C-alpha atoms as a PDB file:
ATOM      1  CA  UNK A   1      23.400  11.222 -68.247  1.00  0.00           C
ATOM      2  CA  UNK A   2      19.713  11.619 -67.681  1.00  0.00           C
ATOM      3  CA  UNK A   3      18.566  13.024 -64.312  1.00  0.00           C
ATOM      4  CA  UNK A   4      16.431   9.999 -63.504  1.00  0.00           C
ATOM      5  CA  UNK A   5      19.442   7.708 -63.961  1.00  0.00           C
ATOM      6  CA  UNK A   6      21.448   9.649 -61.403  1.00  0.00           C
ATOM      7  CA  UNK A   7      18.767   9.764 -58.732  1.00  0.00           C
ATOM      8  CA  UNK A   8      17.505   6.195 -59.109  1.00  0.00           C
ATOM      9  CA  UNK A   9      20.806   4.394 -58.648  1.00  0.00           C
ATOM     10  CA  UNK A  10      21.450   1.081 -60.315  1.00  0.00           C
ATOM     11  CA  UNK A  11      18.316  -0.672 -61.506  1.00  0.00           C
ATOM     12  CA  UNK A  12      17.448  -4.314 -60.825  1.00  0.00           C
ATOM     13  CA  UNK A  13      18.207  -5.253 -64.431  1.00  0.00           C
ATOM     14  CA  UNK A  14      21.773  -4.048 -64.091  1.00  0.00           C
ATOM     15  CA  UNK A  15      22.155  -5.870 -60.794  1.00  0.00           C
ATOM     16  CA  UNK A  16      20.921  -9.120 -62.346  1.00  0.00           C
ATOM     17  CA  UNK A  17      23.259  -8.725 -65.339  1.00  0.00           C
ATOM     18  CA  UNK A  18      26.166  -8.012 -63.004  1.00  0.00           C
ATOM     19  CA  UNK A  19      25.343 -11.089 -60.909  1.00  0.00           C
ATOM     20  CA  UNK A  20      25.205 -13.270 -64.038  1.00  0.00           C
ATOM     21  CA  UNK A  21      28.581 -11.907 -65.189  1.00  0.00           C
ATOM     22  CA  UNK A  22      30.099 -12.682 -61.787  1.00  0.00           C
ATOM     23  CA  UNK A  23      28.633 -16.198 -61.926  1.00  0.00           C
ATOM     24  CA  UNK A  24      30.109 -16.859 -65.388  1.00  0.00           C
ATOM     25  CA  UNK A  25      33.474 -15.504 -64.264  1.00  0.00           C
ATOM     26  CA  UNK A  26      33.530 -17.799 -61.230  1.00  0.00           C
ATOM     27  CA  UNK A  27      32.543 -20.791 -63.379  1.00  0.00           C
ATOM     28  CA  UNK A  28      35.238 -20.003 -65.974  1.00  0.00           C
ATOM     29  CA  UNK A  29      37.858 -19.545 -63.271  1.00  0.00           C
ATOM     30  CA  UNK A  30      36.833 -22.858 -61.684  1.00  0.00           C
ATOM     31  CA  UNK A  31      37.054 -24.612 -65.052  1.00  0.00           C
ATOM     32  CA  UNK A  32      40.546 -23.234 -65.636  1.00  0.00           C
ATOM     33  CA  UNK A  33      41.656 -24.317 -62.168  1.00  0.00           C
ATOM     34  CA  UNK A  34      40.192 -27.807 -62.718  1.00  0.00           C
ATOM     35  CA  UNK A  35      41.910 -28.124 -66.117  1.00  0.00           C
ATOM     36  CA  UNK A  36      45.200 -26.962 -64.678  1.00  0.00           C
ATOM     37  CA  UNK A  37      45.092 -29.323 -61.699  1.00  0.00           C
ATOM     38  CA  UNK A  38      43.980 -32.365 -63.714  1.00  0.00           C
ATOM     39  CA  UNK A  39      46.754 -31.988 -66.283  1.00  0.00           C
ATOM     40  CA  UNK A  40      44.596 -31.005 -69.252  1.00  0.00           C
ATOM     41  CA  UNK A  41      46.877 -28.053 -70.013  1.00  0.00           C
ATOM     42  CA  UNK A  42      50.188 -29.878 -69.699  1.00  0.00           C
ATOM     43  CA  UNK A  43      51.080 -30.651 -73.307  1.00  0.00           C
ATOM     44  CA  UNK A  44      48.889 -28.836 -75.806  1.00  0.00           C
ATOM     45  CA  UNK A  45      51.414 -29.041 -78.654  1.00  0.00           C
ATOM     46  CA  UNK A  46      51.818 -32.828 -78.628  1.00  0.00           C
ATOM     47  CA  UNK A  47      48.283 -33.642 -79.794  1.00  0.00           C
ATOM     48  CA  UNK A  48      48.647 -31.888 -83.146  1.00  0.00           C
ATOM     49  CA  UNK A  49      51.873 -33.782 -83.890  1.00  0.00           C
ATOM     50  CA  UNK A  50      50.492 -37.090 -82.639  1.00  0.00           C
ATOM     51  CA  UNK A  51      47.791 -37.136 -85.326  1.00  0.00           C
ATOM     52  CA  UNK A  52      50.471 -36.925 -88.050  1.00  0.00           C
ATOM     53  CA  UNK A  53      52.333 -40.034 -86.929  1.00  0.00           C
ATOM     54  CA  UNK A  54      51.364 -43.285 -88.586  1.00  0.00           C
ATOM     55  CA  UNK A  55      51.513 -46.081 -86.024  1.00  0.00           C
ATOM     56  CA  UNK A  56      50.707 -48.872 -88.499  1.00  0.00           C
END
């Protein structure tokens, strides 16, 4: 590594990128929890078979 990287610590750009990554992770985790609690993940296989059935 370069000497200026070691003495300067983590720059503000890296801190902002890290904060954005944490934000996206929290949002994705919240979306998965919402989908799980609202039943969106209950029966994923049924929808692909339902489109093949002719109800007429």
